[in-house]
Amino acid sequence: MKNNTLIIASFALLSMASCAPVMTASTTKTLDIYGAGVVQKPVIADMDVKITKITGTATGGAANLEALKAEAVTNALKEAKADVLIEPQYDTQAKGMKATVTVTGYPATYTGFHQITKEEIPLLEAGVLQAAKTNDPAVAPKKKKILGIF
């Protein structure tokens, strides 16, 4: 009798443990080193930028478009096996509480990193002074047709 109880208890415990939901998450940590008392010599990243554009799409709740944009970029980069998306352009379609974000851009992979040289300083200064402007238009709701007698 004790043997049967032990077997049933073991089976119940094992079956409960095997039904647990599986969740995965990724976490990254970054540190902003710019500030008072911190001096850093810039590091230049060498990249191989492809000339063919790639596309990524994500669909979800319209309340969090930034998360959908990030997911669309992630999907595009995974598909192309790239590290960075250059000049991303977003197309957002919303219907009700659901939104679809499509991103298009040039995939790039890092090929190396090196300390800045004297010859590259003008390039760094030009890049800082000529920052690209981003236009992010809001999704305009569609106008409803009003039916009436008049």
Foldseek 3Di string as FASTA:
>chain_A
DVVVVVVVVVVVVVVVVVPDDDDDDDDDDDDDQDDPPGDDQDKDWDKDWDPDKWKFKFKDFPVCVVVRVVVRQVRRCVVVVADDFPPKDWDWDDDPGMIMIMIMGIGMHTPDMDGDDPVCVVVVVVCVVDPDDDDDDDDDDDDDDDDDDD
